[in-house]
Amino acid sequence: MTGNNGQASSREEYKKAKQEALQNNKDAAPVSQDTKRVRIRLIPIWLRLVLLLVSIVICVIAGATVGYGALGGGNVGDVFKESTWTHIIDLVDKK
């Protein structure tokens, strides 16, 4: 199937359309290199954004557990308690 702007929506459809065009144009003049190349993405942009957000969340959680548990000498499980974060915020806000 082609999208609403006439482009192929999958690699297989693009290849099939390209082969059909080559078969139809066997007797015609060769296609110039000026034709625009269609790019079909393996991973859609919306999925890239979702993967980016998920990886950021994972990195923040991993950084907090390593920083608090391994480097700070605390219990790793305490990172997920609300009382730990209220204590940290109180220490930072204290003047």
N, C-alpha and C. Protein backbone atom coordinates (compact mmCIF):
# COMPACT_ATOMS: atom_id res chain seq x y z
N MET A 1 0.84 -1.18 0.00
CA MET A 1 0.00 0.00 0.00
C MET A 1 0.88 1.24 0.00
N THR A 2 0.41 2.24 -0.64
CA THR A 2 1.13 3.49 -0.63
C THR A 2 0.46 4.44 0.33
N GLY A 3 1.27 5.36 0.88
CA GLY A 3 0.74 6.33 1.82
C GLY A 3 -0.07 7.39 1.10
N ASN A 4 -0.52 8.37 1.84
CA ASN A 4 -1.36 9.40 1.24
C ASN A 4 -0.59 10.33 0.31
N ASN A 5 0.74 10.28 0.32
CA ASN A 5 1.51 11.10 -0.59
C ASN A 5 2.14 10.27 -1.70
N GLY A 6 1.69 9.06 -1.90
CA GLY A 6 2.16 8.23 -3.00
C GLY A 6 3.41 7.44 -2.71
N GLN A 7 3.92 7.49 -1.49
CA GLN A 7 5.12 6.76 -1.16
C GLN A 7 4.76 5.39 -0.60
N ALA A 8 5.69 4.45 -0.76
CA ALA A 8 5.48 3.11 -0.23
C ALA A 8 5.56 3.13 1.28
N SER A 9 4.78 2.28 1.93
CA SER A 9 4.77 2.26 3.38
C SER A 9 5.65 1.16 3.95
N SER A 10 6.19 0.30 3.11
CA SER A 10 7.10 -0.73 3.59
C SER A 10 8.18 -0.98 2.55
N ARG A 11 9.25 -1.60 2.99
CA ARG A 11 10.36 -1.88 2.08
C ARG A 11 9.95 -2.82 0.95
N GLU A 12 9.13 -3.80 1.27
CA GLU A 12 8.71 -4.76 0.25
C GLU A 12 7.90 -4.08 -0.84
N GLU A 13 7.01 -3.18 -0.43
CA GLU A 13 6.21 -2.46 -1.41
C GLU A 13 7.07 -1.55 -2.26
N TYR A 14 8.06 -0.93 -1.63
CA TYR A 14 8.97 -0.06 -2.38
C TYR A 14 9.76 -0.86 -3.41
N LYS A 15 10.29 -2.02 -3.00
CA LYS A 15 11.05 -2.86 -3.92
C LYS A 15 10.16 -3.35 -5.07
N LYS A 16 8.93 -3.73 -4.74
CA LYS A 16 8.01 -4.22 -5.76
C LYS A 16 7.68 -3.11 -6.76
N ALA A 17 7.42 -1.92 -6.26
CA ALA A 17 7.12 -0.80 -7.15
C ALA A 17 8.33 -0.44 -8.01
N LYS A 18 9.51 -0.53 -7.45
CA LYS A 18 10.73 -0.24 -8.20
C LYS A 18 10.94 -1.26 -9.31
N GLN A 19 10.72 -2.55 -9.01
CA GLN A 19 10.87 -3.60 -10.02
C GLN A 19 9.85 -3.41 -11.14
N GLU A 20 8.61 -3.06 -10.78
CA GLU A 20 7.59 -2.82 -11.80
C GLU A 20 7.95 -1.64 -12.68
N ALA A 21 8.50 -0.60 -12.06
CA ALA A 21 8.89 0.58 -12.84
C ALA A 21 10.04 0.23 -13.78
N LEU A 22 10.97 -0.59 -13.32
CA LEU A 22 12.09 -1.00 -14.18
C LEU A 22 11.60 -1.85 -15.34
N GLN A 23 10.64 -2.74 -15.08
CA GLN A 23 10.11 -3.58 -16.15
C GLN A 23 9.32 -2.75 -17.16
N ASN A 24 8.60 -1.75 -16.69
CA ASN A 24 7.82 -0.90 -17.59
C ASN A 24 8.71 0.02 -18.41
N ASN A 25 9.88 0.36 -17.89
CA ASN A 25 10.76 1.32 -18.55
C ASN A 25 11.97 0.66 -19.20
N LYS A 26 11.88 -0.61 -19.56
CA LYS A 26 13.03 -1.29 -20.18
C LYS A 26 13.42 -0.62 -21.49
N ASP A 27 12.44 -0.24 -22.30
CA ASP A 27 12.72 0.36 -23.59
C ASP A 27 12.93 1.87 -23.50
N ALA A 28 12.56 2.46 -22.41
CA ALA A 28 12.68 3.91 -22.26
C ALA A 28 14.13 4.28 -21.95
N ALA A 29 14.40 5.56 -21.95
CA ALA A 29 15.75 6.05 -21.65
C ALA A 29 16.08 5.75 -20.19
N PRO A 30 17.37 5.58 -19.88
CA PRO A 30 17.74 5.29 -18.48
C PRO A 30 17.36 6.45 -17.56
N VAL A 31 17.04 6.08 -16.33
CA VAL A 31 16.63 7.05 -15.33
C VAL A 31 17.86 7.80 -14.85
N SER A 32 17.74 9.12 -14.75
CA SER A 32 18.88 9.92 -14.32
C SER A 32 19.09 9.80 -12.82
N GLN A 33 20.26 10.23 -12.39
CA GLN A 33 20.60 10.15 -10.96
C GLN A 33 19.94 11.28 -10.17
N ASP A 34 19.24 12.17 -10.84
CA ASP A 34 18.61 13.30 -10.16
C ASP A 34 17.33 12.92 -9.45
N THR A 35 16.86 11.70 -9.64
CA THR A 35 15.62 11.30 -8.99
C THR A 35 15.83 11.22 -7.49
N LYS A 36 14.81 11.62 -6.76
CA LYS A 36 14.90 11.63 -5.30
C LYS A 36 14.77 10.22 -4.77
N ARG A 37 15.65 9.87 -3.86
CA ARG A 37 15.64 8.54 -3.26
C ARG A 37 14.65 8.51 -2.10
N VAL A 38 13.82 7.51 -2.07
CA VAL A 38 12.84 7.37 -1.00
C VAL A 38 13.50 6.65 0.15
N ARG A 39 13.35 7.21 1.36
CA ARG A 39 13.92 6.59 2.54
C ARG A 39 12.80 6.01 3.38
N ILE A 40 12.91 4.72 3.64
CA ILE A 40 11.93 4.04 4.48
C ILE A 40 12.64 3.69 5.79
N ARG A 41 12.15 4.21 6.88
CA ARG A 41 12.81 4.04 8.18
C ARG A 41 12.50 2.66 8.77
N LEU A 42 13.54 2.06 9.37
CA LEU A 42 13.34 0.79 10.06
C LEU A 42 12.56 0.99 11.35
N ILE A 43 12.89 2.07 12.06
CA ILE A 43 12.22 2.38 13.32
C ILE A 43 11.52 3.73 13.14
N PRO A 44 10.21 3.79 13.26
CA PRO A 44 9.49 5.06 13.09
C PRO A 44 9.93 6.10 14.12
N ILE A 45 9.73 7.35 13.78
CA ILE A 45 10.17 8.44 14.65
C ILE A 45 9.45 8.39 15.99
N TRP A 46 8.15 8.09 16.01
CA TRP A 46 7.43 8.05 17.28
C TRP A 46 8.00 6.96 18.19
N LEU A 47 8.41 5.83 17.60
CA LEU A 47 8.99 4.76 18.41
C LEU A 47 10.37 5.15 18.92
N ARG A 48 11.12 5.92 18.12
CA ARG A 48 12.42 6.41 18.59
C ARG A 48 12.25 7.31 19.80
N LEU A 49 11.24 8.17 19.78
CA LEU A 49 10.99 9.06 20.92
C LEU A 49 10.60 8.27 22.16
N VAL A 50 9.75 7.27 21.99
CA VAL A 50 9.35 6.43 23.13
C VAL A 50 10.57 5.69 23.70
N LEU A 51 11.41 5.15 22.82
CA LEU A 51 12.62 4.45 23.28
C LEU A 51 13.56 5.41 23.99
N LEU A 52 13.66 6.65 23.51
CA LEU A 52 14.50 7.65 24.17
C LEU A 52 13.99 7.94 25.57
N LEU A 53 12.68 8.14 25.71
CA LEU A 53 12.12 8.43 27.04
C LEU A 53 12.30 7.25 27.99
N VAL A 54 12.09 6.04 27.50
CA VAL A 54 12.27 4.85 28.34
C VAL A 54 13.73 4.72 28.78
N SER A 55 14.66 4.97 27.86
CA SER A 55 16.07 4.85 28.21
C SER A 55 16.48 5.94 29.21
N ILE A 56 15.90 7.14 29.11
CA ILE A 56 16.19 8.19 30.08
C ILE A 56 15.71 7.79 31.47
N VAL A 57 14.50 7.23 31.55
CA VAL A 57 13.97 6.80 32.85
C VAL A 57 14.84 5.70 33.44
N ILE A 58 15.25 4.74 32.61
CA ILE A 58 16.10 3.65 33.09
C ILE A 58 17.44 4.18 33.59
N CYS A 59 18.02 5.14 32.87
CA CYS A 59 19.31 5.70 33.27
C CYS A 59 19.19 6.50 34.57
N VAL A 60 18.10 7.22 34.74
CA VAL A 60 17.91 7.98 35.99
C VAL A 60 17.76 7.03 37.18
N ILE A 61 16.99 5.98 37.00
CA ILE A 61 16.81 5.01 38.09
C ILE A 61 18.13 4.31 38.40
N ALA A 62 18.86 3.90 37.37
CA ALA A 62 20.15 3.24 37.59
C ALA A 62 21.15 4.18 38.25
N GLY A 63 21.16 5.43 37.82
CA GLY A 63 22.07 6.40 38.42
C GLY A 63 21.75 6.67 39.88
N ALA A 64 20.47 6.74 40.21
CA ALA A 64 20.07 6.97 41.60
C ALA A 64 20.43 5.79 42.48
N THR A 65 20.22 4.58 41.98
CA THR A 65 20.55 3.41 42.80
C THR A 65 22.05 3.26 42.99
N VAL A 66 22.82 3.50 41.95
CA VAL A 66 24.29 3.40 42.09
C VAL A 66 24.81 4.52 42.97
N GLY A 67 24.31 5.74 42.74
CA GLY A 67 24.79 6.87 43.53
C GLY A 67 24.43 6.77 45.00
N TYR A 68 23.23 6.37 45.29
CA TYR A 68 22.80 6.30 46.69
C TYR A 68 23.27 5.02 47.35
N GLY A 69 23.16 3.91 46.62
CA GLY A 69 23.49 2.62 47.23
C GLY A 69 24.99 2.34 47.27
N ALA A 70 25.67 2.42 46.14
CA ALA A 70 27.08 2.04 46.08
C ALA A 70 27.99 3.18 46.54
N LEU A 71 27.80 4.36 46.00
CA LEU A 71 28.69 5.48 46.33
C LEU A 71 28.34 6.13 47.66
N GLY A 72 27.05 6.22 47.97
CA GLY A 72 26.62 6.88 49.19
C GLY A 72 26.61 6.00 50.41
N GLY A 73 26.74 4.72 50.22
CA GLY A 73 26.78 3.81 51.35
C GLY A 73 25.42 3.48 51.93
N GLY A 74 24.35 3.84 51.27
CA GLY A 74 23.00 3.55 51.75
C GLY A 74 22.50 2.23 51.20
N ASN A 75 21.30 1.88 51.62
CA ASN A 75 20.66 0.67 51.13
C ASN A 75 20.05 0.97 49.76
N VAL A 76 20.30 0.09 48.79
CA VAL A 76 19.82 0.32 47.43
C VAL A 76 18.30 0.39 47.39
N GLY A 77 17.62 -0.36 48.19
CA GLY A 77 16.17 -0.37 48.21
C GLY A 77 15.57 0.92 48.73
N ASP A 78 16.35 1.69 49.51
CA ASP A 78 15.85 2.93 50.07
C ASP A 78 15.67 4.02 49.01
N VAL A 79 16.25 3.84 47.85
CA VAL A 79 16.12 4.83 46.78
C VAL A 79 14.66 4.99 46.37
N PHE A 80 13.89 3.93 46.46
CA PHE A 80 12.52 3.95 45.99
C PHE A 80 11.53 4.37 47.07
N LYS A 81 12.00 4.74 48.25
CA LYS A 81 11.12 5.20 49.34
C LYS A 81 10.96 6.71 49.27
N GLU A 82 9.75 7.17 49.56
CA GLU A 82 9.47 8.60 49.53
C GLU A 82 10.23 9.35 50.63
N SER A 83 10.41 8.70 51.77
CA SER A 83 11.07 9.37 52.89
C SER A 83 12.53 9.72 52.56
N THR A 84 13.17 8.90 51.74
CA THR A 84 14.55 9.18 51.33
C THR A 84 14.61 10.47 50.52
N TRP A 85 13.68 10.63 49.58
CA TRP A 85 13.70 11.80 48.72
C TRP A 85 13.29 13.07 49.47
N THR A 86 12.35 12.94 50.41
CA THR A 86 12.01 14.13 51.21
C THR A 86 13.20 14.55 52.07
N HIS A 87 13.95 13.60 52.58
CA HIS A 87 15.15 13.91 53.36
C HIS A 87 16.20 14.59 52.49
N ILE A 88 16.40 14.08 51.27
CA ILE A 88 17.38 14.68 50.36
C ILE A 88 16.96 16.10 49.98
N ILE A 89 15.68 16.31 49.72
CA ILE A 89 15.19 17.64 49.37
C ILE A 89 15.34 18.59 50.55
N ASP A 90 15.10 18.11 51.78
CA ASP A 90 15.28 18.94 52.97
C ASP A 90 16.73 19.34 53.14
N LEU A 91 17.66 18.42 52.84
CA LEU A 91 19.09 18.75 52.93
C LEU A 91 19.48 19.79 51.88
N VAL A 92 18.94 19.68 50.70
CA VAL A 92 19.30 20.62 49.65
C VAL A 92 18.69 22.00 49.92
N ASP A 93 17.44 22.04 50.39
CA ASP A 93 16.77 23.32 50.64
C ASP A 93 17.26 24.02 51.90
N LYS A 94 17.92 23.30 52.79
CA LYS A 94 18.41 23.88 54.04
C LYS A 94 19.49 24.91 53.73
N LYS A 95 19.35 26.09 54.34
CA LYS A 95 20.33 27.15 54.07
C LYS A 95 21.15 27.48 55.25
